[in-house]
Amino acid sequence: GLWTGWQEGQCKSLSVVSVSGTDISRIADYAENLRMWTEPVALQILQTLFPTIRIWPRDSSSMVIRTIHDILSGLGLEDNQW
């Protein structure tokens, strides 16, 4: 069976892979990709330019993320679907 190697008190490792496809004929897919990747890419660029970002307090990081969301909202790309 599926759980033949399972014993009481032990957990199996679990990996989850998610794939997001983009239909090139749908502008909504491009907007979703923009909304999904803007925050991590912007933070990575900032970390490359300013390595001390890693030691910022949470409030500073939160302010940057909030600003990114405000800019996306101003562009009409609300993140209310997540």
N, C-alpha and C. Protein backbone atom coordinates (compact mmCIF):
# COMPACT_ATOMS: atom_id res chain seq x y z
N GLY A 1 0.81 -1.18 0.00
CA GLY A 1 0.00 0.00 0.00
C GLY A 1 0.85 1.24 0.00
N LEU A 2 0.21 2.35 0.01
CA LEU A 2 0.87 3.65 -0.05
C LEU A 2 1.67 3.94 1.21
N TRP A 3 1.20 3.52 2.36
CA TRP A 3 1.84 3.86 3.63
C TRP A 3 2.58 2.67 4.25
N THR A 4 3.13 1.79 3.45
CA THR A 4 3.79 0.61 4.00
C THR A 4 5.00 0.95 4.86
N GLY A 5 5.71 2.03 4.56
CA GLY A 5 6.90 2.38 5.32
C GLY A 5 6.61 3.29 6.50
N TRP A 6 5.37 3.61 6.73
CA TRP A 6 5.00 4.54 7.80
C TRP A 6 4.90 3.81 9.12
N GLN A 7 5.48 4.43 10.15
CA GLN A 7 5.40 3.87 11.49
C GLN A 7 4.86 4.95 12.42
N GLU A 8 4.23 4.52 13.46
CA GLU A 8 3.66 5.45 14.43
C GLU A 8 4.75 6.39 14.96
N GLY A 9 4.47 7.69 14.96
CA GLY A 9 5.39 8.67 15.51
C GLY A 9 6.42 9.19 14.53
N GLN A 10 6.41 8.75 13.29
CA GLN A 10 7.35 9.24 12.29
C GLN A 10 6.59 9.94 11.18
N CYS A 11 7.17 10.99 10.68
CA CYS A 11 6.57 11.73 9.56
C CYS A 11 7.42 11.53 8.32
N LYS A 12 6.77 11.40 7.21
CA LYS A 12 7.48 11.31 5.94
C LYS A 12 7.77 12.72 5.45
N SER A 13 8.84 12.85 4.69
CA SER A 13 9.15 14.13 4.06
C SER A 13 8.13 14.40 2.97
N LEU A 14 7.78 15.66 2.82
CA LEU A 14 6.79 16.03 1.82
C LEU A 14 7.31 17.22 1.03
N SER A 15 7.30 17.10 -0.26
CA SER A 15 7.66 18.21 -1.15
C SER A 15 6.43 18.59 -1.96
N VAL A 16 6.18 19.88 -2.08
CA VAL A 16 5.04 20.37 -2.85
C VAL A 16 5.59 21.24 -3.97
N VAL A 17 5.17 20.95 -5.18
CA VAL A 17 5.59 21.72 -6.34
C VAL A 17 4.34 22.31 -6.96
N SER A 18 4.38 23.61 -7.21
CA SER A 18 3.25 24.29 -7.82
C SER A 18 3.72 24.95 -9.11
N VAL A 19 2.92 24.85 -10.14
CA VAL A 19 3.27 25.42 -11.43
C VAL A 19 2.20 26.41 -11.83
N SER A 20 2.62 27.60 -12.20
CA SER A 20 1.68 28.61 -12.67
C SER A 20 1.97 28.85 -14.14
N GLY A 21 1.03 28.51 -14.97
CA GLY A 21 1.21 28.70 -16.40
C GLY A 21 0.69 30.06 -16.84
N THR A 22 1.25 30.58 -17.91
CA THR A 22 0.81 31.85 -18.46
C THR A 22 0.28 31.60 -19.86
N ASP A 23 -0.98 31.95 -20.04
CA ASP A 23 -1.59 31.89 -21.37
C ASP A 23 -1.26 33.21 -22.05
N ILE A 24 -0.44 33.18 -23.11
CA ILE A 24 0.04 34.41 -23.72
C ILE A 24 -1.07 35.25 -24.34
N SER A 25 -2.26 34.69 -24.48
CA SER A 25 -3.36 35.45 -25.07
C SER A 25 -4.21 36.15 -24.01
N ARG A 26 -3.89 35.96 -22.73
CA ARG A 26 -4.69 36.55 -21.65
C ARG A 26 -3.89 37.60 -20.89
N ILE A 27 -4.33 38.82 -20.94
CA ILE A 27 -3.67 39.90 -20.21
C ILE A 27 -3.78 39.68 -18.71
N ALA A 28 -4.85 39.06 -18.26
CA ALA A 28 -5.02 38.79 -16.83
C ALA A 28 -3.90 37.89 -16.30
N ASP A 29 -3.39 36.98 -17.13
CA ASP A 29 -2.27 36.13 -16.70
C ASP A 29 -1.00 36.96 -16.51
N TYR A 30 -0.78 37.93 -17.38
CA TYR A 30 0.38 38.80 -17.22
C TYR A 30 0.26 39.64 -15.95
N ALA A 31 -0.95 40.13 -15.67
CA ALA A 31 -1.17 40.91 -14.46
C ALA A 31 -0.94 40.04 -13.22
N GLU A 32 -1.38 38.80 -13.27
CA GLU A 32 -1.16 37.88 -12.14
C GLU A 32 0.32 37.62 -11.92
N ASN A 33 1.06 37.41 -13.02
CA ASN A 33 2.51 37.21 -12.91
C ASN A 33 3.20 38.44 -12.32
N LEU A 34 2.78 39.61 -12.75
CA LEU A 34 3.34 40.84 -12.22
C LEU A 34 3.07 40.94 -10.72
N ARG A 35 1.85 40.65 -10.34
CA ARG A 35 1.46 40.72 -8.92
C ARG A 35 2.23 39.67 -8.10
N MET A 36 2.45 38.49 -8.68
CA MET A 36 3.08 37.40 -7.96
C MET A 36 4.59 37.63 -7.78
N TRP A 37 5.25 38.22 -8.77
CA TRP A 37 6.71 38.30 -8.75
C TRP A 37 7.26 39.67 -8.37
N THR A 38 6.45 40.71 -8.28
CA THR A 38 6.96 42.04 -8.00
C THR A 38 7.65 42.13 -6.65
N GLU A 39 7.01 41.63 -5.61
CA GLU A 39 7.56 41.73 -4.26
C GLU A 39 8.90 41.01 -4.11
N PRO A 40 9.00 39.72 -4.45
CA PRO A 40 10.29 39.04 -4.26
C PRO A 40 11.40 39.60 -5.14
N VAL A 41 11.07 40.01 -6.37
CA VAL A 41 12.10 40.55 -7.26
C VAL A 41 12.58 41.90 -6.76
N ALA A 42 11.65 42.76 -6.33
CA ALA A 42 12.04 44.07 -5.82
C ALA A 42 12.91 43.93 -4.57
N LEU A 43 12.55 43.04 -3.67
CA LEU A 43 13.36 42.84 -2.46
C LEU A 43 14.74 42.26 -2.81
N GLN A 44 14.80 41.38 -3.79
CA GLN A 44 16.09 40.81 -4.20
C GLN A 44 16.98 41.88 -4.81
N ILE A 45 16.41 42.76 -5.63
CA ILE A 45 17.19 43.85 -6.22
C ILE A 45 17.71 44.78 -5.13
N LEU A 46 16.84 45.11 -4.17
CA LEU A 46 17.27 45.97 -3.07
C LEU A 46 18.36 45.30 -2.24
N GLN A 47 18.25 43.98 -2.00
CA GLN A 47 19.27 43.27 -1.23
C GLN A 47 20.60 43.22 -1.97
N THR A 48 20.54 43.20 -3.30
CA THR A 48 21.78 43.21 -4.08
C THR A 48 22.45 44.57 -3.99
N LEU A 49 21.65 45.63 -4.08
CA LEU A 49 22.20 46.99 -4.02
C LEU A 49 22.61 47.39 -2.60
N PHE A 50 21.84 46.95 -1.63
CA PHE A 50 22.07 47.32 -0.23
C PHE A 50 22.07 46.05 0.63
N PRO A 51 23.22 45.41 0.80
CA PRO A 51 23.27 44.14 1.55
C PRO A 51 22.79 44.26 3.00
N THR A 52 22.77 45.46 3.55
CA THR A 52 22.35 45.62 4.95
C THR A 52 20.85 45.46 5.13
N ILE A 53 20.12 45.30 4.04
CA ILE A 53 18.66 45.10 4.14
C ILE A 53 18.36 43.85 4.98
N ARG A 54 19.25 42.88 4.94
CA ARG A 54 19.02 41.64 5.69
C ARG A 54 18.93 41.87 7.20
N ILE A 55 19.48 42.98 7.68
CA ILE A 55 19.44 43.25 9.12
C ILE A 55 18.42 44.33 9.47
N TRP A 56 17.59 44.72 8.50
CA TRP A 56 16.54 45.71 8.77
C TRP A 56 15.55 45.15 9.79
N PRO A 57 14.96 46.03 10.60
CA PRO A 57 13.86 45.58 11.46
C PRO A 57 12.65 45.19 10.61
N ARG A 58 11.78 44.39 11.17
CA ARG A 58 10.59 43.94 10.43
C ARG A 58 9.73 45.11 9.96
N ASP A 59 9.68 46.17 10.75
CA ASP A 59 8.85 47.32 10.36
C ASP A 59 9.34 47.96 9.07
N SER A 60 10.65 48.00 8.88
CA SER A 60 11.20 48.58 7.65
C SER A 60 10.86 47.70 6.44
N SER A 61 11.03 46.40 6.60
CA SER A 61 10.68 45.48 5.51
C SER A 61 9.19 45.56 5.22
N SER A 62 8.39 45.65 6.26
CA SER A 62 6.94 45.76 6.09
C SER A 62 6.57 47.02 5.33
N MET A 63 7.27 48.12 5.62
CA MET A 63 7.00 49.38 4.92
C MET A 63 7.31 49.25 3.43
N VAL A 64 8.41 48.59 3.08
CA VAL A 64 8.76 48.40 1.68
C VAL A 64 7.70 47.54 0.98
N ILE A 65 7.30 46.45 1.61
CA ILE A 65 6.28 45.58 1.03
C ILE A 65 4.95 46.31 0.88
N ARG A 66 4.57 47.11 1.88
CA ARG A 66 3.32 47.88 1.80
C ARG A 66 3.38 48.88 0.65
N THR A 67 4.55 49.51 0.44
CA THR A 67 4.72 50.46 -0.65
C THR A 67 4.57 49.76 -2.00
N ILE A 68 5.15 48.57 -2.13
CA ILE A 68 5.01 47.80 -3.36
C ILE A 68 3.53 47.50 -3.63
N HIS A 69 2.81 47.09 -2.59
CA HIS A 69 1.38 46.80 -2.76
C HIS A 69 0.59 48.06 -3.10
N ASP A 70 0.97 49.20 -2.53
CA ASP A 70 0.29 50.46 -2.86
C ASP A 70 0.53 50.85 -4.31
N ILE A 71 1.75 50.64 -4.81
CA ILE A 71 2.06 50.94 -6.21
C ILE A 71 1.26 50.03 -7.13
N LEU A 72 1.22 48.72 -6.81
CA LEU A 72 0.43 47.80 -7.63
C LEU A 72 -1.05 48.17 -7.60
N SER A 73 -1.53 48.58 -6.45
CA SER A 73 -2.93 48.99 -6.33
C SER A 73 -3.19 50.24 -7.18
N GLY A 74 -2.24 51.17 -7.18
CA GLY A 74 -2.37 52.37 -8.01
C GLY A 74 -2.40 52.06 -9.49
N LEU A 75 -1.76 50.94 -9.87
CA LEU A 75 -1.78 50.51 -11.27
C LEU A 75 -3.01 49.67 -11.61
N GLY A 76 -3.87 49.48 -10.61
CA GLY A 76 -5.08 48.70 -10.82
C GLY A 76 -4.87 47.20 -10.67
N LEU A 77 -3.76 46.79 -10.08
CA LEU A 77 -3.46 45.38 -9.89
C LEU A 77 -3.65 45.02 -8.43
N GLU A 78 -4.88 45.00 -7.97
CA GLU A 78 -5.18 44.66 -6.59
C GLU A 78 -4.74 43.23 -6.29
N ASP A 79 -4.30 43.00 -5.07
CA ASP A 79 -3.87 41.66 -4.68
C ASP A 79 -4.90 41.00 -3.78
N ASN A 80 -6.16 41.30 -3.98
CA ASN A 80 -7.22 40.78 -3.11
C ASN A 80 -7.60 39.33 -3.44
N GLN A 81 -7.02 38.73 -4.46
CA GLN A 81 -7.34 37.35 -4.82
C GLN A 81 -6.53 36.37 -4.00
N TRP A 82 -5.55 36.81 -3.24
CA TRP A 82 -4.64 35.92 -2.54
C TRP A 82 -4.97 35.87 -1.11
